[in-house]
Amino acid sequence: MADEAPHRQSVKPRNILVIEDDRDIARLLELHLHDGGYDVHLAEDGATGLKQALSHAYDLIVLDLMLPGMEGLEVCRNVRTKPNYTPILMLTAKSTELDRVLGLEVGADDYLTKPFSIRELLARVKALFRRMEALEAQRASDKHHIIQAGDLMIDCEKRKVTLCGNVLDLTAKEFDLLLQFAQHPGRVYTRSQLLDLVWGYAHAGYEHTVNSHINRLRAKIERHTSHPQYILTVWGIGYSFTEEHQ
């Protein structure tokens, strides 16, 4: 008689791409991430890493900032042109605020400065996956939700924004930032709160990236950036989304 016991479906491990030119560090990351239950793929230079990132689906990219040929910032910029969002954990020997802000500006989700402990890296990886799971759950609940504010329409399922019927070209972070505002019209956010909610950061020194993203977002959705009608400045506090068009 055939075995009629139910077949247990195994959970597919998450795929991680490590782009790191230091072979010792790359192998160390591969070993510990594999022990953590992840499938790990390696690339030793920026061009090869970018080719892999654009041609395969990964759940996370661990990206070194200083790479031969093509630097990590350029790899990050190109990865962010993909329609599907892949979180990026950037590694670097640099530790200045400017370098951290640049990493966030081009789309990195977290930043770890060398030398770092393996325990800290694994904790950051788990935190990024928890954040992505929360975002996916939120998107699933908003699957068929459309937000209309005046001439601005946000399709949560398709992650598409139109203004007066014209589709806007928003980056992933610009869309997430706009959605955070539009889902809570009238609520005032500080820059630190927006960092925590949209980027997952709550560290001092990163507020510049909030300002620059809001400026770029306003340039795309506002008729007059000097007199915005959607994303309003609350002087001395932060920003809010208008309630007038709801």
C-alpha atoms as a PDB file:
ATOM      1  CA  MET A   1       0.000   0.000   0.000  1.00  0.00           C
ATOM      2  CA  ALA A   2       1.293   3.396  -0.890  1.00  0.00           C
ATOM      3  CA  ASP A   3       2.311   5.685   1.936  1.00  0.00           C
ATOM      4  CA  GLU A   4      -0.603   8.056   2.451  1.00  0.00           C
ATOM      5  CA  ALA A   5       1.155  10.234   5.026  1.00  0.00           C
ATOM      6  CA  PRO A   6       0.824  13.917   4.132  1.00  0.00           C
ATOM      7  CA  HIS A   7       3.779  15.421   2.350  1.00  0.00           C
ATOM      8  CA  ARG A   8       5.401  18.231   4.299  1.00  0.00           C
ATOM      9  CA  GLN A   9       6.242  21.191   2.176  1.00  0.00           C
ATOM     10  CA  SER A  10       9.615  22.622   3.097  1.00  0.00           C
ATOM     11  CA  VAL A  11      10.107  26.359   3.342  1.00  0.00           C
ATOM     12  CA  LYS A  12      12.382  27.659   0.628  1.00  0.00           C
ATOM     13  CA  PRO A  13      15.441  29.366   2.139  1.00  0.00           C
ATOM     14  CA  ARG A  14      16.036  33.020   1.342  1.00  0.00           C
ATOM     15  CA  ASN A  15      18.599  33.844  -1.331  1.00  0.00           C
ATOM     16  CA  ILE A  16      21.358  36.307  -0.460  1.00  0.00           C
ATOM     17  CA  LEU A  17      23.835  37.794  -2.922  1.00  0.00           C
ATOM     18  CA  VAL A  18      27.131  38.891  -1.360  1.00  0.00           C
ATOM     19  CA  ILE A  19      29.148  41.327  -3.515  1.00  0.00           C
ATOM     20  CA  GLU A  20      32.529  41.570  -1.790  1.00  0.00           C
ATOM     21  CA  ASP A  21      36.017  41.647  -3.322  1.00  0.00           C
ATOM     22  CA  ASP A  22      37.834  40.533  -0.148  1.00  0.00           C
ATOM     23  CA  ARG A  23      37.727  36.751  -0.505  1.00  0.00           C
ATOM     24  CA  ASP A  24      38.331  36.093   3.194  1.00  0.00           C
ATOM     25  CA  ILE A  25      35.401  38.309   4.216  1.00  0.00           C
ATOM     26  CA  ALA A  26      33.222  36.887   1.435  1.00  0.00           C
ATOM     27  CA  ARG A  27      33.868  33.292   2.487  1.00  0.00           C
ATOM     28  CA  LEU A  28      33.314  34.157   6.140  1.00  0.00           C
ATOM     29  CA  LEU A  29      29.952  35.733   5.293  1.00  0.00           C
ATOM     30  CA  GLU A  30      29.046  32.774   3.096  1.00  0.00           C
ATOM     31  CA  LEU A  31      29.843  30.327   5.910  1.00  0.00           C
ATOM     32  CA  HIS A  32      27.861  32.094   8.637  1.00  0.00           C
ATOM     33  CA  LEU A  33      24.909  33.065   6.445  1.00  0.00           C
ATOM     34  CA  HIS A  34      24.687  29.468   5.209  1.00  0.00           C
ATOM     35  CA  ASP A  35      24.755  28.270   8.832  1.00  0.00           C
ATOM     36  CA  GLY A  36      21.888  30.706   9.431  1.00  0.00           C
ATOM     37  CA  GLY A  37      19.781  28.853   6.869  1.00  0.00           C
ATOM     38  CA  TYR A  38      20.293  31.127   3.847  1.00  0.00           C
ATOM     39  CA  ASP A  39      21.327  30.273   0.287  1.00  0.00           C
ATOM     40  CA  VAL A  40      24.369  32.413  -0.473  1.00  0.00           C
ATOM     41  CA  HIS A  41      25.807  33.466  -3.843  1.00  0.00           C
ATOM     42  CA  LEU A  42      29.086  35.374  -4.221  1.00  0.00           C
ATOM     43  CA  ALA A  43      30.412  37.997  -6.628  1.00  0.00           C
ATOM     44  CA  GLU A  44      33.898  39.493  -6.392  1.00  0.00           C
ATOM     45  CA  ASP A  45      33.455  42.742  -8.334  1.00  0.00           C
ATOM     46  CA  GLY A  46      30.795  45.332  -9.009  1.00  0.00           C
ATOM     47  CA  ALA A  47      30.082  44.531 -12.660  1.00  0.00           C
ATOM     48  CA  THR A  48      29.667  40.801 -11.996  1.00  0.00           C
ATOM     49  CA  GLY A  49      27.568  41.478  -8.919  1.00  0.00           C
ATOM     50  CA  LEU A  50      25.310  43.872 -10.808  1.00  0.00           C
ATOM     51  CA  LYS A  51      24.824  41.348 -13.619  1.00  0.00           C
ATOM     52  CA  GLN A  52      23.798  38.693 -11.100  1.00  0.00           C
ATOM     53  CA  ALA A  53      21.534  41.109  -9.202  1.00  0.00           C
ATOM     54  CA  LEU A  54      19.702  42.140 -12.373  1.00  0.00           C
ATOM     55  CA  SER A  55      19.339  38.640 -13.807  1.00  0.00           C
ATOM     56  CA  HIS A  56      18.291  36.703 -10.690  1.00  0.00           C
ATOM     57  CA  ALA A  57      15.776  37.190  -7.886  1.00  0.00           C
ATOM     58  CA  TYR A  58      17.441  37.680  -4.495  1.00  0.00           C
ATOM     59  CA  ASP A  59      15.859  38.352  -1.118  1.00  0.00           C
ATOM     60  CA  LEU A  60      18.819  40.451   0.052  1.00  0.00           C
ATOM     61  CA  ILE A  61      22.020  41.924  -1.362  1.00  0.00           C
ATOM     62  CA  VAL A  62      25.031  42.403   0.927  1.00  0.00           C
ATOM     63  CA  LEU A  63      27.072  44.994  -0.955  1.00  0.00           C
ATOM     64  CA  ASP A  64      30.583  46.280  -0.293  1.00  0.00           C
ATOM     65  CA  LEU A  65      31.017  49.982  -0.986  1.00  0.00           C
ATOM     66  CA  MET A  66      34.607  49.801  -2.301  1.00  0.00           C
ATOM     67  CA  LEU A  67      34.683  47.393  -5.233  1.00  0.00           C
ATOM     68  CA  PRO A  68      37.013  47.045  -8.241  1.00  0.00           C
ATOM     69  CA  GLY A  69      35.703  48.346 -11.550  1.00  0.00           C
ATOM     70  CA  MET A  70      32.273  49.517 -10.410  1.00  0.00           C
ATOM     71  CA  GLU A  71      31.829  50.883  -6.900  1.00  0.00           C
ATOM     72  CA  GLY A  72      29.037  49.766  -4.614  1.00  0.00           C
ATOM     73  CA  LEU A  73      27.154  53.062  -4.897  1.00  0.00           C
ATOM     74  CA  GLU A  74      26.852  52.623  -8.663  1.00  0.00           C
ATOM     75  CA  VAL A  75      25.771  49.004  -8.245  1.00  0.00           C
ATOM     76  CA  CYS A  76      23.119  50.158  -5.765  1.00  0.00           C
ATOM     77  CA  ARG A  77      21.849  52.852  -8.151  1.00  0.00           C
ATOM     78  CA  ASN A  78      21.449  50.327 -10.940  1.00  0.00           C
ATOM     79  CA  VAL A  79      19.757  47.726  -8.733  1.00  0.00           C
ATOM     80  CA  ARG A  80      17.207  50.338  -7.729  1.00  0.00           C
ATOM     81  CA  THR A  81      16.075  50.578 -11.364  1.00  0.00           C
ATOM     82  CA  LYS A  82      14.527  47.101 -11.029  1.00  0.00           C
ATOM     83  CA  PRO A  83      10.742  47.071 -10.555  1.00  0.00           C
ATOM     84  CA  ASN A  84      10.942  44.551  -7.704  1.00  0.00           C
ATOM     85  CA  TYR A  85      12.458  45.894  -4.504  1.00  0.00           C
ATOM     86  CA  THR A  86      15.413  44.000  -3.034  1.00  0.00           C
ATOM     87  CA  PRO A  87      16.777  45.176   0.329  1.00  0.00           C
ATOM     88  CA  ILE A  88      20.463  46.146   0.343  1.00  0.00           C
ATOM     89  CA  LEU A  89      22.825  45.952   3.306  1.00  0.00           C
ATOM     90  CA  MET A  90      25.887  48.034   2.490  1.00  0.00           C
ATOM     91  CA  LEU A  91      29.325  47.214   3.912  1.00  0.00           C
ATOM     92  CA  THR A  92      32.170  49.693   3.989  1.00  0.00           C
ATOM     93  CA  ALA A  93      35.430  50.561   5.667  1.00  0.00           C
ATOM     94  CA  LYS A  94      34.358  54.209   5.569  1.00  0.00           C
ATOM     95  CA  SER A  95      32.456  55.577   8.538  1.00  0.00           C
ATOM     96  CA  THR A  96      31.850  59.265   7.844  1.00  0.00           C
ATOM     97  CA  GLU A  97      28.339  60.665   7.911  1.00  0.00           C
ATOM     98  CA  LEU A  98      28.675  61.672   4.248  1.00  0.00           C
ATOM     99  CA  ASP A  99      29.307  58.068   3.220  1.00  0.00           C
ATOM    100  CA  ARG A 100      26.335  56.828   5.226  1.00  0.00           C
ATOM    101  CA  VAL A 101      24.073  59.482   3.724  1.00  0.00           C
ATOM    102  CA  LEU A 102      25.299  58.687   0.193  1.00  0.00           C
ATOM    103  CA  GLY A 103      24.488  55.030   0.760  1.00  0.00           C
ATOM    104  CA  LEU A 104      20.965  55.897   1.858  1.00  0.00           C
ATOM    105  CA  GLU A 105      20.555  58.412  -0.957  1.00  0.00           C
ATOM    106  CA  VAL A 106      21.111  55.774  -3.643  1.00  0.00           C
ATOM    107  CA  GLY A 107      18.812  53.268  -1.952  1.00  0.00           C
ATOM    108  CA  ALA A 108      20.685  51.198   0.646  1.00  0.00           C
ATOM    109  CA  ASP A 109      18.441  49.906   3.439  1.00  0.00           C
ATOM    110  CA  ASP A 110      21.087  49.485   6.112  1.00  0.00           C
ATOM    111  CA  TYR A 111      24.745  50.285   6.620  1.00  0.00           C
ATOM    112  CA  LEU A 112      27.443  48.323   8.465  1.00  0.00           C
ATOM    113  CA  THR A 113      30.963  49.666   8.949  1.00  0.00           C
ATOM    114  CA  LYS A 114      33.999  47.365   8.874  1.00  0.00           C
ATOM    115  CA  PRO A 115      35.204  45.816  11.073  1.00  0.00           C
ATOM    116  CA  PHE A 116      31.895  44.368  12.267  1.00  0.00           C
ATOM    117  CA  SER A 117      30.938  41.316  14.265  1.00  0.00           C
ATOM    118  CA  ILE A 118      29.222  38.403  12.566  1.00  0.00           C
ATOM    119  CA  ARG A 119      26.579  38.499  15.279  1.00  0.00           C
ATOM    120  CA  GLU A 120      25.750  42.115  14.425  1.00  0.00           C
ATOM    121  CA  LEU A 121      25.585  41.361  10.714  1.00  0.00           C
ATOM    122  CA  LEU A 122      23.236  38.406  11.256  1.00  0.00           C
ATOM    123  CA  ALA A 123      21.062  40.601  13.480  1.00  0.00           C
ATOM    124  CA  ARG A 124      20.883  43.284  10.753  1.00  0.00           C
ATOM    125  CA  VAL A 125      19.979  40.647   8.143  1.00  0.00           C
ATOM    126  CA  LYS A 126      17.159  39.287  10.309  1.00  0.00           C
ATOM    127  CA  ALA A 127      15.910  42.815  11.024  1.00  0.00           C
ATOM    128  CA  LEU A 128      15.791  43.618   7.296  1.00  0.00           C
ATOM    129  CA  PHE A 129      13.819  40.463   6.578  1.00  0.00           C
ATOM    130  CA  ARG A 130      11.383  41.232   9.397  1.00  0.00           C
ATOM    131  CA  ARG A 131      10.886  44.713   7.971  1.00  0.00           C
ATOM    132  CA  MET A 132      10.300  43.376   4.447  1.00  0.00           C
ATOM    133  CA  GLU A 133       7.785  40.847   5.784  1.00  0.00           C
ATOM    134  CA  ALA A 134       5.915  43.642   7.573  1.00  0.00           C
ATOM    135  CA  LEU A 135       5.872  45.748   4.400  1.00  0.00           C
ATOM    136  CA  GLU A 136       4.657  42.798   2.334  1.00  0.00           C
ATOM    137  CA  ALA A 137       1.875  42.129   4.836  1.00  0.00           C
ATOM    138  CA  GLN A 138       0.866  45.787   4.702  1.00  0.00           C
ATOM    139  CA  ARG A 139       0.874  45.754   0.907  1.00  0.00           C
ATOM    140  CA  ALA A 140      -1.261  42.606   0.909  1.00  0.00           C
ATOM    141  CA  SER A 141      -3.824  44.294   3.149  1.00  0.00           C
ATOM    142  CA  ASP A 142      -3.778  47.350   0.856  1.00  0.00           C
ATOM    143  CA  LYS A 143      -3.865  45.187  -2.280  1.00  0.00           C
ATOM    144  CA  HIS A 144      -6.944  46.722  -3.864  1.00  0.00           C
ATOM    145  CA  HIS A 145      -6.702  50.069  -2.109  1.00  0.00           C
ATOM    146  CA  ILE A 146      -6.521  53.261  -4.146  1.00  0.00           C
ATOM    147  CA  ILE A 147      -5.875  56.613  -2.487  1.00  0.00           C
ATOM    148  CA  GLN A 148      -7.212  59.720  -4.215  1.00  0.00           C
ATOM    149  CA  ALA A 149      -6.058  63.188  -3.183  1.00  0.00           C
ATOM    150  CA  GLY A 150      -7.106  65.873  -5.621  1.00  0.00           C
ATOM    151  CA  ASP A 151      -5.457  65.119  -8.971  1.00  0.00           C
ATOM    152  CA  LEU A 152      -3.087  62.658  -7.307  1.00  0.00           C
ATOM    153  CA  MET A 153      -3.982  58.941  -7.363  1.00  0.00           C
ATOM    154  CA  ILE A 154      -1.997  56.179  -5.632  1.00  0.00           C
ATOM    155  CA  ASP A 155      -2.602  52.553  -6.627  1.00  0.00           C
ATOM    156  CA  CYS A 156      -1.217  50.561  -3.690  1.00  0.00           C
ATOM    157  CA  GLU A 157      -1.311  47.185  -5.434  1.00  0.00           C
ATOM    158  CA  LYS A 158       0.450  48.291  -8.603  1.00  0.00           C
ATOM    159  CA  ARG A 159       2.648  50.787  -6.721  1.00  0.00           C
ATOM    160  CA  LYS A 160       1.683  53.311  -9.372  1.00  0.00           C
ATOM    161  CA  VAL A 161       1.120  57.032  -8.903  1.00  0.00           C
ATOM    162  CA  THR A 162      -0.641  59.274 -11.414  1.00  0.00           C
ATOM    163  CA  LEU A 163      -1.063  63.037 -11.443  1.00  0.00           C
ATOM    164  CA  CYS A 164      -3.837  64.392 -13.670  1.00  0.00           C
ATOM    165  CA  GLY A 165      -3.848  60.978 -15.342  1.00  0.00           C
ATOM    166  CA  ASN A 166      -0.105  61.010 -16.077  1.00  0.00           C
ATOM    167  CA  VAL A 167       2.005  58.221 -14.574  1.00  0.00           C
ATOM    168  CA  LEU A 168       4.828  59.497 -12.365  1.00  0.00           C
ATOM    169  CA  ASP A 169       8.265  57.887 -12.314  1.00  0.00           C
ATOM    170  CA  LEU A 170       8.935  57.397  -8.596  1.00  0.00           C
ATOM    171  CA  THR A 171      11.734  55.436  -6.995  1.00  0.00           C
ATOM    172  CA  ALA A 172      10.788  52.694  -4.525  1.00  0.00           C
ATOM    173  CA  LYS A 173      11.643  54.871  -1.535  1.00  0.00           C
ATOM    174  CA  GLU A 174       9.806  57.882  -2.972  1.00  0.00           C
ATOM    175  CA  PHE A 175       6.694  55.741  -3.368  1.00  0.00           C
ATOM    176  CA  ASP A 176       7.003  54.347   0.173  1.00  0.00           C
ATOM    177  CA  LEU A 177       7.448  57.866   1.538  1.00  0.00           C
ATOM    178  CA  LEU A 178       4.434  59.207  -0.366  1.00  0.00           C
ATOM    179  CA  LEU A 179       2.304  56.233   0.702  1.00  0.00           C
ATOM    180  CA  GLN A 180       3.261  56.742   4.348  1.00  0.00           C
ATOM    181  CA  PHE A 181       2.074  60.342   4.118  1.00  0.00           C
ATOM    182  CA  ALA A 182      -1.073  59.670   2.086  1.00  0.00           C
ATOM    183  CA  GLN A 183      -2.283  56.865   4.368  1.00  0.00           C
ATOM    184  CA  HIS A 184      -2.268  59.290   7.299  1.00  0.00           C
ATOM    185  CA  PRO A 185      -3.400  62.729   6.052  1.00  0.00           C
ATOM    186  CA  GLY A 186      -2.938  65.478   8.594  1.00  0.00           C
ATOM    187  CA  ARG A 187      -0.524  63.502  10.752  1.00  0.00           C
ATOM    188  CA  VAL A 188       2.683  65.416  11.417  1.00  0.00           C
ATOM    189  CA  TYR A 189       5.908  63.423  11.099  1.00  0.00           C
ATOM    190  CA  THR A 190       9.345  64.402  12.306  1.00  0.00           C
ATOM    191  CA  ARG A 191      12.313  63.493  10.114  1.00  0.00           C
ATOM    192  CA  SER A 192      13.402  60.861  12.642  1.00  0.00           C
ATOM    193  CA  GLN A 193       9.950  59.245  12.548  1.00  0.00           C
ATOM    194  CA  LEU A 194      10.049  59.096   8.756  1.00  0.00           C
ATOM    195  CA  LEU A 195      13.497  57.520   8.862  1.00  0.00           C
ATOM    196  CA  ASP A 196      12.224  54.840  11.199  1.00  0.00           C
ATOM    197  CA  LEU A 197       8.989  54.186   9.292  1.00  0.00           C
ATOM    198  CA  VAL A 198      10.257  54.324   5.704  1.00  0.00           C
ATOM    199  CA  TRP A 199      13.944  53.435   5.940  1.00  0.00           C
ATOM    200  CA  GLY A 200      13.973  51.545   9.216  1.00  0.00           C
ATOM    201  CA  TYR A 201      16.415  53.983  10.743  1.00  0.00           C
ATOM    202  CA  ALA A 202      16.245  55.835  14.037  1.00  0.00           C
ATOM    203  CA  HIS A 203      19.804  57.185  14.095  1.00  0.00           C
ATOM    204  CA  ALA A 204      20.786  60.830  14.290  1.00  0.00           C
ATOM    205  CA  GLY A 205      22.665  62.108  11.260  1.00  0.00           C
ATOM    206  CA  TYR A 206      20.512  60.578   8.523  1.00  0.00           C
ATOM    207  CA  GLU A 207      17.854  63.336   8.441  1.00  0.00           C
ATOM    208  CA  HIS A 208      19.459  64.787   5.293  1.00  0.00           C
ATOM    209  CA  THR A 209      18.188  61.854   3.249  1.00  0.00           C
ATOM    210  CA  VAL A 210      14.594  62.588   4.332  1.00  0.00           C
ATOM    211  CA  ASN A 211      14.942  66.210   3.193  1.00  0.00           C
ATOM    212  CA  SER A 212      16.376  65.265  -0.198  1.00  0.00           C
ATOM    213  CA  HIS A 213      13.739  62.587  -0.838  1.00  0.00           C
ATOM    214  CA  ILE A 214      10.942  65.002   0.046  1.00  0.00           C
ATOM    215  CA  ASN A 215      12.444  67.646  -2.250  1.00  0.00           C
ATOM    216  CA  ARG A 216      12.618  65.159  -5.131  1.00  0.00           C
ATOM    217  CA  LEU A 217       9.104  63.900  -4.408  1.00  0.00           C
ATOM    218  CA  ARG A 218       7.740  67.433  -4.351  1.00  0.00           C
ATOM    219  CA  ALA A 219       9.425  68.145  -7.682  1.00  0.00           C
ATOM    220  CA  LYS A 220       7.399  65.281  -9.162  1.00  0.00           C
ATOM    221  CA  ILE A 221       3.974  65.803  -7.560  1.00  0.00           C
ATOM    222  CA  GLU A 222       3.708  69.514  -6.811  1.00  0.00           C
ATOM    223  CA  ARG A 223       2.813  72.150  -9.380  1.00  0.00           C
ATOM    224  CA  HIS A 224       4.787  74.750  -7.428  1.00  0.00           C
ATOM    225  CA  THR A 225       7.421  73.356  -5.086  1.00  0.00           C
ATOM    226  CA  SER A 226       7.657  76.695  -3.264  1.00  0.00           C
ATOM    227  CA  HIS A 227       3.944  76.414  -2.413  1.00  0.00           C
ATOM    228  CA  PRO A 228       3.271  72.674  -2.033  1.00  0.00           C
ATOM    229  CA  GLN A 229      -0.330  71.482  -1.862  1.00  0.00           C
ATOM    230  CA  TYR A 230       0.276  67.838  -0.936  1.00  0.00           C
ATOM    231  CA  ILE A 231       3.351  67.449   1.287  1.00  0.00           C
ATOM    232  CA  LEU A 232       3.279  70.362   3.694  1.00  0.00           C
ATOM    233  CA  THR A 233       6.063  71.664   5.915  1.00  0.00           C
ATOM    234  CA  VAL A 234       5.151  72.043   9.578  1.00  0.00           C
ATOM    235  CA  TRP A 235       7.777  74.534  10.686  1.00  0.00           C
ATOM    236  CA  GLY A 236       9.887  73.462  13.617  1.00  0.00           C
ATOM    237  CA  ILE A 237       8.450  69.922  13.582  1.00  0.00           C
ATOM    238  CA  GLY A 238       8.487  68.167  10.221  1.00  0.00           C
ATOM    239  CA  TYR A 239       5.990  67.356   7.469  1.00  0.00           C
ATOM    240  CA  SER A 240       2.386  66.302   6.932  1.00  0.00           C
ATOM    241  CA  PHE A 241       0.109  65.322   4.063  1.00  0.00           C
ATOM    242  CA  THR A 242      -2.741  67.649   3.209  1.00  0.00           C
ATOM    243  CA  GLU A 243      -6.275  66.890   4.378  1.00  0.00           C
ATOM    244  CA  GLU A 244      -7.928  69.292   1.956  1.00  0.00           C
ATOM    245  CA  HIS A 245      -8.212  66.860  -0.965  1.00  0.00           C
ATOM    246  CA  GLN A 246      -9.404  63.800   0.984  1.00  0.00           C
END
